[in-house]
Amino acid sequence: VLSFSLVDMFDTIGTLVGTANKAGMIDKDGNMPRMREAMMCDAIGTAVGALMGTSTVTTYVESSTGISEGGRTGMGLPANLLKLVTAVLFLVALFLAPLVGIVPSAATAPAFIIVGVMMLSSIKSLELDDMTEAIPAFLTIVMMPFAYSIATGIAFGLISYTLLKLCTGKVKEISPLTAVLSIIFIIRFACMAA
């Protein structure tokens, strides 16, 4: 349960921060306003989806593509109309899913490349001169596709960040929450390996 909770929580946090950054919703201190409400919405969606027998209902990083195309504002339309159109298109997609299944993955791969390029726009705000910041960011970015998990990428980033700060004598830069999460992730990986 702890493992699933961590994976879901960090997938959601990574997605929310990424999409909020793309939408310009991050404040001057780098915080996302109303993060608690967004996390609660995702938690309810995950629980209700599981009760209905569906795959996990959660936020996805691909949402940043919709935001960059005007999804945040509704492209000139009222935001509720955009949500309604999206819901109707998802209902239609249920019936078209068997037809879409015959399209080979090689035909859809270019769309994922474009989504990935759009998601990389946040890299410009990284502090690449400080290796104790750059290396964890690099490991986070690289491990997400290798492990096929945002949470695993974040785990590798947190663990490497904590270790690099410890080894370079920058212990004061490690927040207590970062240290605790790093320990939890180390325990999680140790349990998975055992």
C-alpha atoms as a PDB file:
ATOM      1  CA  VAL A   1       0.000   0.000   0.000  1.00  0.00           C
ATOM      2  CA  LEU A   2       2.854   2.373   0.875  1.00  0.00           C
ATOM      3  CA  SER A   3       4.557   1.643  -2.441  1.00  0.00           C
ATOM      4  CA  PHE A   4       1.404   2.322  -4.474  1.00  0.00           C
ATOM      5  CA  SER A   5       0.691   5.463  -2.451  1.00  0.00           C
ATOM      6  CA  LEU A   6       4.180   6.842  -3.092  1.00  0.00           C
ATOM      7  CA  VAL A   7       4.025   6.062  -6.799  1.00  0.00           C
ATOM      8  CA  ASP A   8       0.618   7.692  -7.202  1.00  0.00           C
ATOM      9  CA  MET A   9       1.545  10.706  -5.081  1.00  0.00           C
ATOM     10  CA  PHE A  10       4.794  11.426  -6.936  1.00  0.00           C
ATOM     11  CA  ASP A  11       3.258  10.785 -10.352  1.00  0.00           C
ATOM     12  CA  THR A  12       0.595  13.347  -9.462  1.00  0.00           C
ATOM     13  CA  ILE A  13       3.006  15.894  -7.980  1.00  0.00           C
ATOM     14  CA  GLY A  14       5.311  15.650 -10.990  1.00  0.00           C
ATOM     15  CA  THR A  15       2.414  16.022 -13.377  1.00  0.00           C
ATOM     16  CA  LEU A  16       0.776  18.905 -11.521  1.00  0.00           C
ATOM     17  CA  VAL A  17       3.999  20.876 -11.199  1.00  0.00           C
ATOM     18  CA  GLY A  18       4.833  20.282 -14.864  1.00  0.00           C
ATOM     19  CA  THR A  19       1.418  21.303 -16.141  1.00  0.00           C
ATOM     20  CA  ALA A  20       1.136  24.253 -13.741  1.00  0.00           C
ATOM     21  CA  ASN A  21       4.537  25.475 -14.891  1.00  0.00           C
ATOM     22  CA  LYS A  22       3.444  25.210 -18.524  1.00  0.00           C
ATOM     23  CA  ALA A  23       0.242  27.113 -17.720  1.00  0.00           C
ATOM     24  CA  GLY A  24       2.103  29.856 -15.843  1.00  0.00           C
ATOM     25  CA  MET A  25       0.351  28.989 -12.568  1.00  0.00           C
ATOM     26  CA  ILE A  26       3.497  28.801 -10.405  1.00  0.00           C
ATOM     27  CA  ASP A  27       3.917  31.758  -8.029  1.00  0.00           C
ATOM     28  CA  LYS A  28       7.127  33.781  -7.585  1.00  0.00           C
ATOM     29  CA  ASP A  29       8.335  31.396  -4.850  1.00  0.00           C
ATOM     30  CA  GLY A  30       7.967  28.363  -7.139  1.00  0.00           C
ATOM     31  CA  ASN A  31       4.845  27.050  -5.409  1.00  0.00           C
ATOM     32  CA  MET A  32       1.611  25.943  -7.011  1.00  0.00           C
ATOM     33  CA  PRO A  33      -1.447  27.580  -5.460  1.00  0.00           C
ATOM     34  CA  ARG A  34      -4.263  25.205  -4.421  1.00  0.00           C
ATOM     35  CA  MET A  35      -2.008  22.151  -4.755  1.00  0.00           C
ATOM     36  CA  ARG A  36      -3.870  20.463  -1.882  1.00  0.00           C
ATOM     37  CA  GLU A  37      -7.195  20.656  -3.738  1.00  0.00           C
ATOM     38  CA  ALA A  38      -5.633  19.294  -6.929  1.00  0.00           C
ATOM     39  CA  MET A  39      -4.037  16.406  -5.016  1.00  0.00           C
ATOM     40  CA  MET A  40      -7.360  15.653  -3.306  1.00  0.00           C
ATOM     41  CA  CYS A  41      -9.155  15.599  -6.667  1.00  0.00           C
ATOM     42  CA  ASP A  42      -6.582  13.166  -8.035  1.00  0.00           C
ATOM     43  CA  ALA A  43      -6.823  10.970  -4.926  1.00  0.00           C
ATOM     44  CA  ILE A  44     -10.615  10.788  -5.219  1.00  0.00           C
ATOM     45  CA  GLY A  45     -10.330   9.975  -8.933  1.00  0.00           C
ATOM     46  CA  THR A  46      -7.834   7.199  -8.189  1.00  0.00           C
ATOM     47  CA  ALA A  47     -10.016   5.670  -5.462  1.00  0.00           C
ATOM     48  CA  VAL A  48     -13.287   5.905  -7.430  1.00  0.00           C
ATOM     49  CA  GLY A  49     -11.617   4.573 -10.583  1.00  0.00           C
ATOM     50  CA  ALA A  50     -10.311   1.577  -8.638  1.00  0.00           C
ATOM     51  CA  LEU A  51     -13.780   0.936  -7.187  1.00  0.00           C
ATOM     52  CA  MET A  52     -15.211   0.985 -10.733  1.00  0.00           C
ATOM     53  CA  GLY A  53     -12.610  -1.512 -11.925  1.00  0.00           C
ATOM     54  CA  THR A  54     -10.839   0.819 -14.354  1.00  0.00           C
ATOM     55  CA  SER A  55      -7.146   1.470 -14.728  1.00  0.00           C
ATOM     56  CA  THR A  56      -5.839   4.256 -12.511  1.00  0.00           C
ATOM     57  CA  VAL A  57      -7.702   7.536 -13.015  1.00  0.00           C
ATOM     58  CA  THR A  58      -5.009  10.167 -12.554  1.00  0.00           C
ATOM     59  CA  THR A  59      -3.452  13.272 -14.071  1.00  0.00           C
ATOM     60  CA  TYR A  60      -1.082  12.838 -16.998  1.00  0.00           C
ATOM     61  CA  VAL A  61       1.902  14.927 -18.073  1.00  0.00           C
ATOM     62  CA  GLU A  62       0.493  14.972 -21.595  1.00  0.00           C
ATOM     63  CA  SER A  63      -1.987  17.527 -20.235  1.00  0.00           C
ATOM     64  CA  SER A  64       0.761  20.129 -20.711  1.00  0.00           C
ATOM     65  CA  THR A  65       0.266  19.738 -24.439  1.00  0.00           C
ATOM     66  CA  GLY A  66      -3.414  20.652 -24.093  1.00  0.00           C
ATOM     67  CA  ILE A  67      -2.487  23.595 -21.895  1.00  0.00           C
ATOM     68  CA  SER A  68       0.045  24.854 -24.429  1.00  0.00           C
ATOM     69  CA  GLU A  69      -2.657  24.686 -27.093  1.00  0.00           C
ATOM     70  CA  GLY A  70      -5.040  26.843 -25.033  1.00  0.00           C
ATOM     71  CA  GLY A  71      -6.708  24.224 -22.850  1.00  0.00           C
ATOM     72  CA  ARG A  72      -6.284  26.344 -19.739  1.00  0.00           C
ATOM     73  CA  THR A  73      -8.324  29.200 -21.144  1.00  0.00           C
ATOM     74  CA  GLY A  74     -10.670  27.136 -23.263  1.00  0.00           C
ATOM     75  CA  MET A  75      -9.286  28.587 -26.518  1.00  0.00           C
ATOM     76  CA  GLY A  76     -11.656  31.532 -26.363  1.00  0.00           C
ATOM     77  CA  LEU A  77     -14.561  29.351 -25.303  1.00  0.00           C
ATOM     78  CA  PRO A  78     -15.895  29.133 -21.775  1.00  0.00           C
ATOM     79  CA  ALA A  79     -13.723  26.683 -19.834  1.00  0.00           C
ATOM     80  CA  ASN A  80     -16.746  24.514 -18.951  1.00  0.00           C
ATOM     81  CA  LEU A  81     -17.560  24.063 -22.641  1.00  0.00           C
ATOM     82  CA  LEU A  82     -14.019  22.804 -23.226  1.00  0.00           C
ATOM     83  CA  LYS A  83     -14.465  20.270 -20.418  1.00  0.00           C
ATOM     84  CA  LEU A  84     -17.811  19.156 -21.843  1.00  0.00           C
ATOM     85  CA  VAL A  85     -16.363  18.681 -25.338  1.00  0.00           C
ATOM     86  CA  THR A  86     -13.461  16.680 -23.864  1.00  0.00           C
ATOM     87  CA  ALA A  87     -15.883  14.457 -21.922  1.00  0.00           C
ATOM     88  CA  VAL A  88     -18.028  13.827 -25.017  1.00  0.00           C
ATOM     89  CA  LEU A  89     -14.939  12.982 -27.082  1.00  0.00           C
ATOM     90  CA  PHE A  90     -13.834  10.492 -24.416  1.00  0.00           C
ATOM     91  CA  LEU A  91     -17.258   8.824 -24.597  1.00  0.00           C
ATOM     92  CA  VAL A  92     -16.971   8.588 -28.382  1.00  0.00           C
ATOM     93  CA  ALA A  93     -13.443   7.195 -27.953  1.00  0.00           C
ATOM     94  CA  LEU A  94     -14.860   4.264 -25.954  1.00  0.00           C
ATOM     95  CA  PHE A  95     -16.647   3.042 -29.050  1.00  0.00           C
ATOM     96  CA  LEU A  96     -13.765   3.808 -31.406  1.00  0.00           C
ATOM     97  CA  ALA A  97     -11.100   2.138 -29.232  1.00  0.00           C
ATOM     98  CA  PRO A  98     -11.261  -1.215 -31.078  1.00  0.00           C
ATOM     99  CA  LEU A  99     -10.677   0.565 -34.392  1.00  0.00           C
ATOM    100  CA  VAL A 100      -7.786   2.581 -32.993  1.00  0.00           C
ATOM    101  CA  GLY A 101      -6.201  -0.656 -31.770  1.00  0.00           C
ATOM    102  CA  ILE A 102      -5.441  -1.663 -35.356  1.00  0.00           C
ATOM    103  CA  VAL A 103      -3.186   1.385 -35.848  1.00  0.00           C
ATOM    104  CA  PRO A 104       0.437   0.252 -35.352  1.00  0.00           C
ATOM    105  CA  SER A 105       2.452   1.918 -32.583  1.00  0.00           C
ATOM    106  CA  ALA A 106       4.982   3.121 -35.163  1.00  0.00           C
ATOM    107  CA  ALA A 107       2.285   5.406 -36.564  1.00  0.00           C
ATOM    108  CA  THR A 108       1.619   7.068 -33.198  1.00  0.00           C
ATOM    109  CA  ALA A 109       5.262   7.384 -32.054  1.00  0.00           C
ATOM    110  CA  PRO A 110       5.811  10.827 -33.677  1.00  0.00           C
ATOM    111  CA  ALA A 111       2.994  12.279 -31.564  1.00  0.00           C
ATOM    112  CA  PHE A 112       4.746  11.109 -28.394  1.00  0.00           C
ATOM    113  CA  ILE A 113       8.003  12.669 -29.574  1.00  0.00           C
ATOM    114  CA  ILE A 114       6.251  16.021 -29.993  1.00  0.00           C
ATOM    115  CA  VAL A 115       4.664  15.707 -26.536  1.00  0.00           C
ATOM    116  CA  GLY A 116       8.110  14.945 -25.076  1.00  0.00           C
ATOM    117  CA  VAL A 117       9.653  17.985 -26.757  1.00  0.00           C
ATOM    118  CA  MET A 118       6.896  20.210 -25.363  1.00  0.00           C
ATOM    119  CA  MET A 119       7.478  18.812 -21.883  1.00  0.00           C
ATOM    120  CA  LEU A 120      11.216  19.614 -22.076  1.00  0.00           C
ATOM    121  CA  SER A 121      10.563  23.378 -22.018  1.00  0.00           C
ATOM    122  CA  SER A 122      10.928  23.385 -18.216  1.00  0.00           C
ATOM    123  CA  ILE A 123      14.614  22.448 -18.433  1.00  0.00           C
ATOM    124  CA  LYS A 124      15.609  26.059 -19.108  1.00  0.00           C
ATOM    125  CA  SER A 125      14.967  26.949 -15.442  1.00  0.00           C
ATOM    126  CA  LEU A 126      17.447  24.365 -14.056  1.00  0.00           C
ATOM    127  CA  GLU A 127      20.643  25.504 -12.311  1.00  0.00           C
ATOM    128  CA  LEU A 128      23.092  23.582 -14.493  1.00  0.00           C
ATOM    129  CA  ASP A 129      26.215  25.261 -13.047  1.00  0.00           C
ATOM    130  CA  ASP A 130      25.759  23.521  -9.685  1.00  0.00           C
ATOM    131  CA  MET A 131      26.424  19.798 -10.151  1.00  0.00           C
ATOM    132  CA  THR A 132      24.554  18.954  -6.936  1.00  0.00           C
ATOM    133  CA  GLU A 133      21.454  20.362  -8.664  1.00  0.00           C
ATOM    134  CA  ALA A 134      22.183  19.340 -12.283  1.00  0.00           C
ATOM    135  CA  ILE A 135      23.002  15.663 -11.719  1.00  0.00           C
ATOM    136  CA  PRO A 136      19.791  14.883  -9.772  1.00  0.00           C
ATOM    137  CA  ALA A 137      17.761  16.745 -12.415  1.00  0.00           C
ATOM    138  CA  PHE A 138      19.458  14.740 -15.163  1.00  0.00           C
ATOM    139  CA  LEU A 139      18.864  11.441 -13.346  1.00  0.00           C
ATOM    140  CA  THR A 140      15.222  12.359 -12.776  1.00  0.00           C
ATOM    141  CA  ILE A 141      14.690  13.126 -16.466  1.00  0.00           C
ATOM    142  CA  VAL A 142      16.563  10.042 -17.704  1.00  0.00           C
ATOM    143  CA  MET A 143      15.037   7.550 -15.271  1.00  0.00           C
ATOM    144  CA  MET A 144      11.434   8.461 -16.059  1.00  0.00           C
ATOM    145  CA  PRO A 145      11.445   6.909 -19.554  1.00  0.00           C
ATOM    146  CA  PHE A 146      13.871   4.113 -18.627  1.00  0.00           C
ATOM    147  CA  ALA A 147      11.720   2.993 -15.694  1.00  0.00           C
ATOM    148  CA  TYR A 148       8.460   3.996 -17.397  1.00  0.00           C
ATOM    149  CA  SER A 149       7.503   5.779 -14.175  1.00  0.00           C
ATOM    150  CA  ILE A 150       7.497   9.411 -13.102  1.00  0.00           C
ATOM    151  CA  ALA A 151       7.697   8.291  -9.456  1.00  0.00           C
ATOM    152  CA  THR A 152      10.847   6.227 -10.067  1.00  0.00           C
ATOM    153  CA  GLY A 153      12.474   9.173 -11.818  1.00  0.00           C
ATOM    154  CA  ILE A 154      11.619  11.452  -8.906  1.00  0.00           C
ATOM    155  CA  ALA A 155      12.911   8.817  -6.467  1.00  0.00           C
ATOM    156  CA  PHE A 156      16.281   8.612  -8.232  1.00  0.00           C
ATOM    157  CA  GLY A 157      16.440  12.413  -8.323  1.00  0.00           C
ATOM    158  CA  LEU A 158      15.658  12.772  -4.605  1.00  0.00           C
ATOM    159  CA  ILE A 159      18.097  10.067  -3.545  1.00  0.00           C
ATOM    160  CA  SER A 160      20.938  11.432  -5.697  1.00  0.00           C
ATOM    161  CA  TYR A 161      20.189  15.002  -4.566  1.00  0.00           C
ATOM    162  CA  THR A 162      20.408  13.992  -0.914  1.00  0.00           C
ATOM    163  CA  LEU A 163      23.580  11.936  -1.399  1.00  0.00           C
ATOM    164  CA  LEU A 164      25.329  14.648  -3.426  1.00  0.00           C
ATOM    165  CA  LYS A 165      24.471  17.329  -0.878  1.00  0.00           C
ATOM    166  CA  LEU A 166      25.751  15.066   1.931  1.00  0.00           C
ATOM    167  CA  CYS A 167      28.984  14.229   0.098  1.00  0.00           C
ATOM    168  CA  THR A 168      29.727  17.861  -0.797  1.00  0.00           C
ATOM    169  CA  GLY A 169      29.072  19.207   2.702  1.00  0.00           C
ATOM    170  CA  LYS A 170      25.888  21.069   1.745  1.00  0.00           C
ATOM    171  CA  VAL A 171      23.762  19.328   4.380  1.00  0.00           C
ATOM    172  CA  LYS A 172      21.923  22.552   5.271  1.00  0.00           C
ATOM    173  CA  GLU A 173      20.400  22.615   1.766  1.00  0.00           C
ATOM    174  CA  ILE A 174      18.601  19.301   2.362  1.00  0.00           C
ATOM    175  CA  SER A 175      15.110  19.877   3.732  1.00  0.00           C
ATOM    176  CA  PRO A 176      13.843  17.407   6.357  1.00  0.00           C
ATOM    177  CA  LEU A 177      11.073  16.279   3.986  1.00  0.00           C
ATOM    178  CA  THR A 178      13.599  15.560   1.216  1.00  0.00           C
ATOM    179  CA  ALA A 179      15.718  13.497   3.640  1.00  0.00           C
ATOM    180  CA  VAL A 180      12.705  11.507   4.881  1.00  0.00           C
ATOM    181  CA  LEU A 181      11.439  10.850   1.350  1.00  0.00           C
ATOM    182  CA  SER A 182      14.906   9.772   0.222  1.00  0.00           C
ATOM    183  CA  ILE A 183      15.080   7.259   3.075  1.00  0.00           C
ATOM    184  CA  ILE A 184      11.596   5.948   2.245  1.00  0.00           C
ATOM    185  CA  PHE A 185      12.546   5.526  -1.415  1.00  0.00           C
ATOM    186  CA  ILE A 186      15.795   3.731  -0.483  1.00  0.00           C
ATOM    187  CA  ILE A 187      13.767   1.351   1.715  1.00  0.00           C
ATOM    188  CA  ARG A 188      11.270   0.855  -1.120  1.00  0.00           C
ATOM    189  CA  PHE A 189      14.019  -0.028  -3.619  1.00  0.00           C
ATOM    190  CA  ALA A 190      15.693  -2.309  -1.077  1.00  0.00           C
ATOM    191  CA  CYS A 191      12.399  -4.151  -0.516  1.00  0.00           C
ATOM    192  CA  MET A 192      11.831  -4.462  -4.249  1.00  0.00           C
ATOM    193  CA  ALA A 193      15.317  -5.918  -4.711  1.00  0.00           C
ATOM    194  CA  ALA A 194      14.878  -8.448  -1.898  1.00  0.00           C
END
